[in-house]
Amino acid sequence: LGINQVIAQLWHRPRPYESHTGVYHLTQSHD
């Protein structure tokens, strides 16, 4: 999880439902 935090600081990739409309999803996280 600590390694993930370092990677996230270098590249924030949006969730699929944030980048593409109409995606079926059961989570609302914006991490």
PDB file of all heavy atoms in Angstrom:
ATOM      1  N   LEU A   1       0.829  -1.208   0.000  1.00  0.00           N
ATOM      2  CA  LEU A   1       0.000   0.000   0.000  1.00  0.00           C
ATOM      3  C   LEU A   1       0.868   1.264   0.000  1.00  0.00           C
ATOM      4  O   LEU A   1       0.533   2.260  -0.635  1.00  0.00           O
ATOM      5  CB  LEU A   1      -0.932   0.000   1.211  1.00  0.00           C
ATOM      6  CG  LEU A   1      -2.050  -1.050   1.192  1.00  0.00           C
ATOM      7  CD1 LEU A   1      -2.803  -1.049   2.519  1.00  0.00           C
ATOM      8  CD2 LEU A   1      -3.011  -0.798   0.037  1.00  0.00           C
ATOM      9  N   GLY A   2       1.993   1.206   0.704  1.00  0.00           N
ATOM     10  CA  GLY A   2       2.921   2.336   0.701  1.00  0.00           C
ATOM     11  C   GLY A   2       3.523   2.570  -0.672  1.00  0.00           C
ATOM     12  O   GLY A   2       3.654   3.723  -1.120  1.00  0.00           O
ATOM     13  N   ILE A   3       3.871   1.487  -1.360  1.00  0.00           N
ATOM     14  CA  ILE A   3       4.397   1.601  -2.723  1.00  0.00           C
ATOM     15  C   ILE A   3       3.341   2.209  -3.647  1.00  0.00           C
ATOM     16  O   ILE A   3       3.641   3.045  -4.511  1.00  0.00           O
ATOM     17  CB  ILE A   3       4.846   0.220  -3.242  1.00  0.00           C
ATOM     18  CG1 ILE A   3       6.048  -0.280  -2.428  1.00  0.00           C
ATOM     19  CG2 ILE A   3       5.205   0.285  -4.727  1.00  0.00           C
ATOM     20  CD1 ILE A   3       6.452  -1.711  -2.735  1.00  0.00           C
ATOM     21  N   ASN A   4       2.091   1.795  -3.465  1.00  0.00           N
ATOM     22  CA  ASN A   4       1.004   2.362  -4.268  1.00  0.00           C
ATOM     23  C   ASN A   4       0.894   3.871  -4.101  1.00  0.00           C
ATOM     24  O   ASN A   4       0.638   4.598  -5.065  1.00  0.00           O
ATOM     25  CB  ASN A   4      -0.330   1.720  -3.868  1.00  0.00           C
ATOM     26  CG  ASN A   4      -0.549   0.383  -4.529  1.00  0.00           C
ATOM     27  OD1 ASN A   4       0.342  -0.161  -5.166  1.00  0.00           O
ATOM     28  ND2 ASN A   4      -1.732  -0.169  -4.369  1.00  0.00           N
ATOM     29  N   GLN A   5       1.091   4.334  -2.874  1.00  0.00           N
ATOM     30  CA  GLN A   5       1.006   5.775  -2.622  1.00  0.00           C
ATOM     31  C   GLN A   5       2.095   6.532  -3.364  1.00  0.00           C
ATOM     32  O   GLN A   5       1.860   7.627  -3.886  1.00  0.00           O
ATOM     33  CB  GLN A   5       1.108   6.050  -1.118  1.00  0.00           C
ATOM     34  CG  GLN A   5      -0.082   5.562  -0.316  1.00  0.00           C
ATOM     35  CD  GLN A   5      -1.390   6.173  -0.784  1.00  0.00           C
ATOM     36  OE1 GLN A   5      -1.499   7.397  -0.921  1.00  0.00           O
ATOM     37  NE2 GLN A   5      -2.378   5.344  -1.061  1.00  0.00           N
ATOM     38  N   VAL A   6       3.282   5.946  -3.434  1.00  0.00           N
ATOM     39  CA  VAL A   6       4.379   6.575  -4.172  1.00  0.00           C
ATOM     40  C   VAL A   6       4.046   6.628  -5.664  1.00  0.00           C
ATOM     41  O   VAL A   6       4.226   7.657  -6.332  1.00  0.00           O
ATOM     42  CB  VAL A   6       5.697   5.801  -3.944  1.00  0.00           C
ATOM     43  CG1 VAL A   6       6.811   6.365  -4.832  1.00  0.00           C
ATOM     44  CG2 VAL A   6       6.101   5.864  -2.475  1.00  0.00           C
ATOM     45  N   ILE A   7       3.539   5.525  -6.189  1.00  0.00           N
ATOM     46  CA  ILE A   7       3.174   5.475  -7.611  1.00  0.00           C
ATOM     47  C   ILE A   7       2.078   6.490  -7.916  1.00  0.00           C
ATOM     48  O   ILE A   7       2.106   7.177  -8.953  1.00  0.00           O
ATOM     49  CB  ILE A   7       2.711   4.054  -8.001  1.00  0.00           C
ATOM     50  CG1 ILE A   7       3.873   3.062  -7.868  1.00  0.00           C
ATOM     51  CG2 ILE A   7       2.150   4.032  -9.423  1.00  0.00           C
ATOM     52  CD1 ILE A   7       3.481   1.608  -8.070  1.00  0.00           C
ATOM     53  N   ALA A   8       1.100   6.599  -7.017  1.00  0.00           N
ATOM     54  CA  ALA A   8      -0.018   7.535  -7.227  1.00  0.00           C
ATOM     55  C   ALA A   8       0.458   8.984  -7.262  1.00  0.00           C
ATOM     56  O   ALA A   8      -0.140   9.819  -7.951  1.00  0.00           O
ATOM     57  CB  ALA A   8      -1.060   7.344  -6.130  1.00  0.00           C
ATOM     58  N   GLN A   9       1.526   9.278  -6.518  1.00  0.00           N
ATOM     59  CA  GLN A   9       2.068  10.636  -6.550  1.00  0.00           C
ATOM     60  C   GLN A   9       2.734  10.947  -7.885  1.00  0.00           C
ATOM     61  O   GLN A   9       2.763  12.097  -8.320  1.00  0.00           O
ATOM     62  CB  GLN A   9       3.085  10.812  -5.410  1.00  0.00           C
ATOM     63  CG  GLN A   9       2.495  10.762  -4.018  1.00  0.00           C
ATOM     64  CD  GLN A   9       1.468  11.868  -3.772  1.00  0.00           C
ATOM     65  OE1 GLN A   9       1.659  13.014  -4.163  1.00  0.00           O
ATOM     66  NE2 GLN A   9       0.361  11.519  -3.120  1.00  0.00           N
ATOM     67  N   LEU A  10       3.246   9.915  -8.535  1.00  0.00           N
ATOM     68  CA  LEU A  10       3.914  10.094  -9.827  1.00  0.00           C
ATOM     69  C   LEU A  10       2.925  10.111 -10.981  1.00  0.00           C
ATOM     70  O   LEU A  10       3.161  10.786 -11.991  1.00  0.00           O
ATOM     71  CB  LEU A  10       4.937   8.963 -10.040  1.00  0.00           C
ATOM     72  CG  LEU A  10       6.058   8.880  -8.996  1.00  0.00           C
ATOM     73  CD1 LEU A  10       6.913   7.636  -9.242  1.00  0.00           C
ATOM     74  CD2 LEU A  10       6.923  10.136  -9.040  1.00  0.00           C
ATOM     75  N   TRP A  11       1.818   9.363 -10.841  1.00  0.00           N
ATOM     76  CA  TRP A  11       0.831   9.302 -11.925  1.00  0.00           C
ATOM     77  C   TRP A  11      -0.545   9.027 -11.338  1.00  0.00           C
ATOM     78  O   TRP A  11      -0.774   7.972 -10.758  1.00  0.00           O
ATOM     79  CB  TRP A  11       1.191   8.213 -12.937  1.00  0.00           C
ATOM     80  CG  TRP A  11       0.204   8.089 -14.060  1.00  0.00           C
ATOM     81  CD1 TRP A  11      -0.460   9.104 -14.690  1.00  0.00           C
ATOM     82  CD2 TRP A  11      -0.241   6.872 -14.683  1.00  0.00           C
ATOM     83  NE1 TRP A  11      -1.283   8.591 -15.677  1.00  0.00           N
ATOM     84  CE2 TRP A  11      -1.160   7.233 -15.695  1.00  0.00           C
ATOM     85  CE3 TRP A  11       0.071   5.527 -14.495  1.00  0.00           C
ATOM     86  CZ2 TRP A  11      -1.780   6.295 -16.514  1.00  0.00           C
ATOM     87  CZ3 TRP A  11      -0.548   4.591 -15.307  1.00  0.00           C
ATOM     88  CH2 TRP A  11      -1.458   4.967 -16.301  1.00  0.00           C
ATOM     89  N   HIS A  12      -1.426  10.003 -11.488  1.00  0.00           N
ATOM     90  CA  HIS A  12      -2.808   9.833 -11.014  1.00  0.00           C
ATOM     91  C   HIS A  12      -3.651   9.394 -12.208  1.00  0.00           C
ATOM     92  O   HIS A  12      -4.041  10.200 -13.046  1.00  0.00           O
ATOM     93  CB  HIS A  12      -3.351  11.142 -10.439  1.00  0.00           C
ATOM     94  CG  HIS A  12      -4.737  11.007  -9.876  1.00  0.00           C
ATOM     95  ND1 HIS A  12      -5.011  11.006  -8.527  1.00  0.00           N
ATOM     96  CD2 HIS A  12      -5.933  10.851 -10.499  1.00  0.00           C
ATOM     97  CE1 HIS A  12      -6.311  10.859  -8.339  1.00  0.00           C
ATOM     98  NE2 HIS A  12      -6.893  10.770  -9.523  1.00  0.00           N
ATOM     99  N   ARG A  13      -3.904   8.107 -12.272  1.00  0.00           N
ATOM    100  CA  ARG A  13      -4.750   7.585 -13.351  1.00  0.00           C
ATOM    101  C   ARG A  13      -6.204   7.595 -12.892  1.00  0.00           C
ATOM    102  O   ARG A  13      -6.542   6.965 -11.882  1.00  0.00           O
ATOM    103  CB  ARG A  13      -4.341   6.161 -13.709  1.00  0.00           C
ATOM    104  CG  ARG A  13      -5.093   5.602 -14.919  1.00  0.00           C
ATOM    105  CD  ARG A  13      -4.754   4.140 -15.146  1.00  0.00           C
ATOM    106  NE  ARG A  13      -5.064   3.737 -16.502  1.00  0.00           N
ATOM    107  CZ  ARG A  13      -4.945   2.504 -16.965  1.00  0.00           C
ATOM    108  NH1 ARG A  13      -4.530   1.541 -16.158  1.00  0.00           N
ATOM    109  NH2 ARG A  13      -5.235   2.211 -18.216  1.00  0.00           N
ATOM    110  N   PRO A  14      -7.089   8.261 -13.601  1.00  0.00           N
ATOM    111  CA  PRO A  14      -8.501   8.288 -13.194  1.00  0.00           C
ATOM    112  C   PRO A  14      -9.128   6.902 -13.277  1.00  0.00           C
ATOM    113  O   PRO A  14      -8.704   6.046 -14.060  1.00  0.00           O
ATOM    114  CB  PRO A  14      -9.147   9.239 -14.213  1.00  0.00           C
ATOM    115  CG  PRO A  14      -8.014  10.022 -14.787  1.00  0.00           C
ATOM    116  CD  PRO A  14      -6.840   9.103 -14.788  1.00  0.00           C
ATOM    117  N   ARG A  15     -10.161   6.696 -12.473  1.00  0.00           N
ATOM    118  CA  ARG A  15     -10.913   5.446 -12.534  1.00  0.00           C
ATOM    119  C   ARG A  15     -11.599   5.327 -13.900  1.00  0.00           C
ATOM    120  O   ARG A  15     -11.877   6.336 -14.555  1.00  0.00           O
ATOM    121  CB  ARG A  15     -11.964   5.406 -11.422  1.00  0.00           C
ATOM    122  CG  ARG A  15     -11.408   5.414 -10.008  1.00  0.00           C
ATOM    123  CD  ARG A  15     -10.686   4.125  -9.674  1.00  0.00           C
ATOM    124  NE  ARG A  15     -10.175   4.143  -8.302  1.00  0.00           N
ATOM    125  CZ  ARG A  15     -10.471   3.213  -7.391  1.00  0.00           C
ATOM    126  NH1 ARG A  15     -11.269   2.211  -7.689  1.00  0.00           N
ATOM    127  NH2 ARG A  15      -9.953   3.289  -6.180  1.00  0.00           N
ATOM    128  N   PRO A  16     -11.903   4.095 -14.330  1.00  0.00           N
ATOM    129  CA  PRO A  16     -12.550   3.917 -15.641  1.00  0.00           C
ATOM    130  C   PRO A  16     -13.829   4.724 -15.807  1.00  0.00           C
ATOM    131  O   PRO A  16     -14.081   5.295 -16.878  1.00  0.00           O
ATOM    132  CB  PRO A  16     -12.836   2.409 -15.678  1.00  0.00           C
ATOM    133  CG  PRO A  16     -11.807   1.815 -14.786  1.00  0.00           C
ATOM    134  CD  PRO A  16     -11.593   2.816 -13.688  1.00  0.00           C
ATOM    135  N   TYR A  17     -14.634   4.799 -14.753  1.00  0.00           N
ATOM    136  CA  TYR A  17     -15.904   5.523 -14.850  1.00  0.00           C
ATOM    137  C   TYR A  17     -15.728   7.030 -14.808  1.00  0.00           C
ATOM    138  O   TYR A  17     -16.670   7.772 -15.060  1.00  0.00           O
ATOM    139  CB  TYR A  17     -16.872   5.062 -13.748  1.00  0.00           C
ATOM    140  CG  TYR A  17     -16.271   4.975 -12.370  1.00  0.00           C
ATOM    141  CD1 TYR A  17     -16.127   6.094 -11.556  1.00  0.00           C
ATOM    142  CD2 TYR A  17     -15.844   3.747 -11.873  1.00  0.00           C
ATOM    143  CE1 TYR A  17     -15.576   6.014 -10.296  1.00  0.00           C
ATOM    144  CE2 TYR A  17     -15.278   3.653 -10.600  1.00  0.00           C
ATOM    145  CZ  TYR A  17     -15.154   4.782  -9.824  1.00  0.00           C
ATOM    146  OH  TYR A  17     -14.598   4.687  -8.569  1.00  0.00           O
ATOM    147  N   GLU A  18     -14.507   7.491 -14.482  1.00  0.00           N
ATOM    148  CA  GLU A  18     -14.225   8.921 -14.547  1.00  0.00           C
ATOM    149  C   GLU A  18     -13.762   9.331 -15.939  1.00  0.00           C
ATOM    150  O   GLU A  18     -13.930  10.483 -16.332  1.00  0.00           O
ATOM    151  CB  GLU A  18     -13.150   9.287 -13.521  1.00  0.00           C
ATOM    152  CG  GLU A  18     -13.584   9.125 -12.080  1.00  0.00           C
ATOM    153  CD  GLU A  18     -12.476   9.460 -11.098  1.00  0.00           C
ATOM    154  OE1 GLU A  18     -11.349   8.934 -11.263  1.00  0.00           O
ATOM    155  OE2 GLU A  18     -12.721  10.254 -10.173  1.00  0.00           O
ATOM    156  N   SER A  19     -13.180   8.379 -16.652  1.00  0.00           N
ATOM    157  CA  SER A  19     -12.632   8.680 -17.982  1.00  0.00           C
ATOM    158  C   SER A  19     -13.568   8.309 -19.122  1.00  0.00           C
ATOM    159  O   SER A  19     -13.433   8.821 -20.229  1.00  0.00           O
ATOM    160  CB  SER A  19     -11.301   7.939 -18.178  1.00  0.00           C
ATOM    161  OG  SER A  19     -10.347   8.349 -17.225  1.00  0.00           O
ATOM    162  N   HIS A  20     -14.518   7.405 -18.854  1.00  0.00           N
ATOM    163  CA  HIS A  20     -15.396   6.908 -19.919  1.00  0.00           C
ATOM    164  C   HIS A  20     -16.849   6.973 -19.449  1.00  0.00           C
ATOM    165  O   HIS A  20     -17.175   6.487 -18.367  1.00  0.00           O
ATOM    166  CB  HIS A  20     -15.034   5.474 -20.292  1.00  0.00           C
ATOM    167  CG  HIS A  20     -13.601   5.287 -20.685  1.00  0.00           C
ATOM    168  ND1 HIS A  20     -13.130   5.568 -21.952  1.00  0.00           N
ATOM    169  CD2 HIS A  20     -12.534   4.865 -19.965  1.00  0.00           C
ATOM    170  CE1 HIS A  20     -11.831   5.311 -22.004  1.00  0.00           C
ATOM    171  NE2 HIS A  20     -11.444   4.887 -20.814  1.00  0.00           N
ATOM    172  N   THR A  21     -17.688   7.547 -20.256  1.00  0.00           N
ATOM    173  CA  THR A  21     -19.106   7.657 -19.909  1.00  0.00           C
ATOM    174  C   THR A  21     -19.798   6.315 -20.122  1.00  0.00           C
ATOM    175  O   THR A  21     -19.409   5.525 -20.981  1.00  0.00           O
ATOM    176  CB  THR A  21     -19.800   8.723 -20.777  1.00  0.00           C
ATOM    177  OG1 THR A  21     -19.641   8.375 -22.162  1.00  0.00           O
ATOM    178  CG2 THR A  21     -19.200  10.097 -20.526  1.00  0.00           C
ATOM    179  N   GLY A  22     -20.820   6.076 -19.336  1.00  0.00           N
ATOM    180  CA  GLY A  22     -21.629   4.872 -19.497  1.00  0.00           C
ATOM    181  C   GLY A  22     -21.035   3.618 -18.899  1.00  0.00           C
ATOM    182  O   GLY A  22     -21.560   2.518 -19.131  1.00  0.00           O
ATOM    183  N   VAL A  23     -19.972   3.743 -18.139  1.00  0.00           N
ATOM    184  CA  VAL A  23     -19.354   2.566 -17.527  1.00  0.00           C
ATOM    185  C   VAL A  23     -20.216   2.086 -16.354  1.00  0.00           C
ATOM    186  O   VAL A  23     -20.610   2.878 -15.504  1.00  0.00           O
ATOM    187  CB  VAL A  23     -17.921   2.886 -17.035  1.00  0.00           C
ATOM    188  CG1 VAL A  23     -17.404   1.769 -16.129  1.00  0.00           C
ATOM    189  CG2 VAL A  23     -16.992   3.080 -18.217  1.00  0.00           C
ATOM    190  N   TYR A  24     -20.512   0.792 -16.340  1.00  0.00           N
ATOM    191  CA  TYR A  24     -21.261   0.209 -15.228  1.00  0.00           C
ATOM    192  C   TYR A  24     -20.290  -0.008 -14.071  1.00  0.00           C
ATOM    193  O   TYR A  24     -19.240  -0.647 -14.235  1.00  0.00           O
ATOM    194  CB  TYR A  24     -21.871  -1.131 -15.653  1.00  0.00           C
ATOM    195  CG  TYR A  24     -22.586  -1.860 -14.545  1.00  0.00           C
ATOM    196  CD1 TYR A  24     -23.831  -1.446 -14.106  1.00  0.00           C
ATOM    197  CD2 TYR A  24     -21.998  -2.973 -13.937  1.00  0.00           C
ATOM    198  CE1 TYR A  24     -24.489  -2.116 -13.084  1.00  0.00           C
ATOM    199  CE2 TYR A  24     -22.650  -3.646 -12.919  1.00  0.00           C
ATOM    200  CZ  TYR A  24     -23.897  -3.214 -12.498  1.00  0.00           C
ATOM    201  OH  TYR A  24     -24.539  -3.881 -11.488  1.00  0.00           O
ATOM    202  N   HIS A  25     -20.609   0.538 -12.905  1.00  0.00           N
ATOM    203  CA  HIS A  25     -19.697   0.397 -11.775  1.00  0.00           C
ATOM    204  C   HIS A  25     -20.468   0.390 -10.463  1.00  0.00           C
ATOM    205  O   HIS A  25     -21.530   0.995 -10.340  1.00  0.00           O
ATOM    206  CB  HIS A  25     -18.664   1.533 -11.768  1.00  0.00           C
ATOM    207  CG  HIS A  25     -19.255   2.907 -11.682  1.00  0.00           C
ATOM    208  ND1 HIS A  25     -19.351   3.601 -10.501  1.00  0.00           N
ATOM    209  CD2 HIS A  25     -19.793   3.711 -12.640  1.00  0.00           C
ATOM    210  CE1 HIS A  25     -19.905   4.783 -10.734  1.00  0.00           C
ATOM    211  NE2 HIS A  25     -20.195   4.877 -12.010  1.00  0.00           N
ATOM    212  N   LEU A  26     -19.896  -0.312  -9.492  1.00  0.00           N
ATOM    213  CA  LEU A  26     -20.509  -0.435  -8.171  1.00  0.00           C
ATOM    214  C   LEU A  26     -19.628   0.182  -7.096  1.00  0.00           C
ATOM    215  O   LEU A  26     -19.705  -0.196  -5.931  1.00  0.00           O
ATOM    216  CB  LEU A  26     -20.768  -1.915  -7.861  1.00  0.00           C
ATOM    217  CG  LEU A  26     -21.758  -2.621  -8.792  1.00  0.00           C
ATOM    218  CD1 LEU A  26     -21.828  -4.103  -8.485  1.00  0.00           C
ATOM    219  CD2 LEU A  26     -23.137  -1.988  -8.696  1.00  0.00           C
ATOM    220  N   THR A  27     -18.790   1.104  -7.478  1.00  0.00           N
ATOM    221  CA  THR A  27     -17.934   1.827  -6.539  1.00  0.00           C
ATOM    222  C   THR A  27     -17.894   3.289  -6.937  1.00  0.00           C
ATOM    223  O   THR A  27     -18.064   3.615  -8.122  1.00  0.00           O
ATOM    224  CB  THR A  27     -16.507   1.244  -6.531  1.00  0.00           C
ATOM    225  OG1 THR A  27     -15.676   2.027  -5.675  1.00  0.00           O
ATOM    226  CG2 THR A  27     -15.909   1.234  -7.925  1.00  0.00           C
ATOM    227  N   GLN A  28     -17.692   4.155  -5.968  1.00  0.00           N
ATOM    228  CA  GLN A  28     -17.683   5.595  -6.227  1.00  0.00           C
ATOM    229  C   GLN A  28     -16.331   6.234  -5.885  1.00  0.00           C
ATOM    230  O   GLN A  28     -16.220   7.448  -5.839  1.00  0.00           O
ATOM    231  CB  GLN A  28     -18.783   6.285  -5.402  1.00  0.00           C
ATOM    232  CG  GLN A  28     -20.187   5.774  -5.681  1.00  0.00           C
ATOM    233  CD  GLN A  28     -20.648   6.074  -7.093  1.00  0.00           C
ATOM    234  OE1 GLN A  28     -20.225   7.037  -7.704  1.00  0.00           O
ATOM    235  NE2 GLN A  28     -21.532   5.229  -7.616  1.00  0.00           N
ATOM    236  N   SER A  29     -15.330   5.420  -5.635  1.00  0.00           N
ATOM    237  CA  SER A  29     -14.029   5.944  -5.212  1.00  0.00           C
ATOM    238  C   SER A  29     -13.392   6.816  -6.295  1.00  0.00           C
ATOM    239  O   SER A  29     -13.533   6.551  -7.488  1.00  0.00           O
ATOM    240  CB  SER A  29     -13.084   4.794  -4.877  1.00  0.00           C
ATOM    241  OG  SER A  29     -11.802   5.288  -4.571  1.00  0.00           O
ATOM    242  N   HIS A  30     -12.703   7.855  -5.860  1.00  0.00           N
ATOM    243  CA  HIS A  30     -11.978   8.734  -6.780  1.00  0.00           C
ATOM    244  C   HIS A  30     -10.478   8.684  -6.518  1.00  0.00           C
ATOM    245  O   HIS A  30      -9.736   9.543  -6.982  1.00  0.00           O
ATOM    246  CB  HIS A  30     -12.493  10.169  -6.653  1.00  0.00           C
ATOM    247  CG  HIS A  30     -13.938  10.311  -7.039  1.00  0.00           C
ATOM    248  ND1 HIS A  30     -14.381  10.212  -8.335  1.00  0.00           N
ATOM    249  CD2 HIS A  30     -15.054  10.502  -6.278  1.00  0.00           C
ATOM    250  CE1 HIS A  30     -15.698  10.368  -8.377  1.00  0.00           C
ATOM    251  NE2 HIS A  30     -16.129  10.538  -7.128  1.00  0.00           N
ATOM    252  N   ASP A  31     -10.044   7.662  -5.769  1.00  0.00           N
ATOM    253  CA  ASP A  31      -8.615   7.439  -5.594  1.00  0.00           C
ATOM    254  C   ASP A  31      -8.005   7.037  -6.935  1.00  0.00           C
ATOM    255  O   ASP A  31      -8.724   6.593  -7.841  1.00  0.00           O
ATOM    256  CB  ASP A  31      -8.361   6.333  -4.571  1.00  0.00           C
ATOM    257  CG  ASP A  31      -8.758   6.750  -3.167  1.00  0.00           C
ATOM    258  OD1 ASP A  31      -8.866   7.975  -2.934  1.00  0.00           O
ATOM    259  OD2 ASP A  31      -8.974   5.865  -2.321  1.00  0.00           O
TER     260      ASP A  31
END
